[in-house]
């Protein structure tokens, strides 16, 4: 099965060298870090 993003040509040459799950995993990690920082900031502001 070809991922929809690859079928649509959204993948760059560099992305094609990586497993399809890799960018998704990085996105999850980045979102988790951003959520952590956001919650940290709101805690410091006392809201």
Protein backbone atom coordinates (compact mmCIF):
# COMPACT_ATOMS: atom_id res chain seq x y z
CA UNK A 1 0.00 0.00 0.00
CA UNK A 2 1.31 3.42 -0.94
CA UNK A 3 0.80 6.16 1.67
CA UNK A 4 -1.53 8.91 0.45
CA UNK A 5 1.11 11.58 1.07
CA UNK A 6 3.64 9.74 -1.08
CA UNK A 7 1.06 9.08 -3.80
CA UNK A 8 0.30 12.79 -3.87
CA UNK A 9 4.01 13.62 -4.20
CA UNK A 10 4.12 15.36 -0.84
CA UNK A 11 7.23 13.46 0.24
CA UNK A 12 10.58 15.01 -0.58
CA UNK A 13 13.55 12.94 -1.74
CA UNK A 14 14.93 13.01 1.81
CA UNK A 15 11.68 11.77 3.30
CA UNK A 16 11.62 8.85 0.88
CA UNK A 17 14.84 7.60 2.50
CA UNK A 18 13.09 7.30 5.86
CA UNK A 19 10.41 4.90 7.08
CA UNK A 20 6.90 6.32 6.71
CA UNK A 21 6.43 6.20 10.47
CA UNK A 22 9.49 8.35 11.21
CA UNK A 23 8.04 11.82 10.46
CA UNK A 24 4.87 10.87 12.35
CA UNK A 25 6.89 9.84 15.40
CA UNK A 26 8.87 13.09 15.30
CA UNK A 27 5.63 15.06 15.05
CA UNK A 28 4.27 13.28 18.12
CA UNK A 29 7.47 13.99 20.06
CA UNK A 30 7.45 17.65 19.03
CA UNK A 31 3.80 17.99 20.02
CA UNK A 32 4.49 16.37 23.39
CA UNK A 33 7.38 18.78 24.04
CA UNK A 34 5.29 21.79 23.00
CA UNK A 35 2.43 20.66 25.23
CA UNK A 36 4.84 20.21 28.15
CA UNK A 37 6.34 23.67 27.65
CA UNK A 38 2.90 25.24 27.26
CA UNK A 39 1.66 23.65 30.49
CA UNK A 40 4.89 24.69 32.20
CA UNK A 41 4.37 28.31 31.15
CA UNK A 42 0.76 28.42 32.32
CA UNK A 43 1.78 26.90 35.66
CA UNK A 44 4.41 29.59 36.16
CA UNK A 45 1.85 32.29 35.32
CA UNK A 46 -0.46 30.87 37.97
CA UNK A 47 -3.41 30.43 35.62
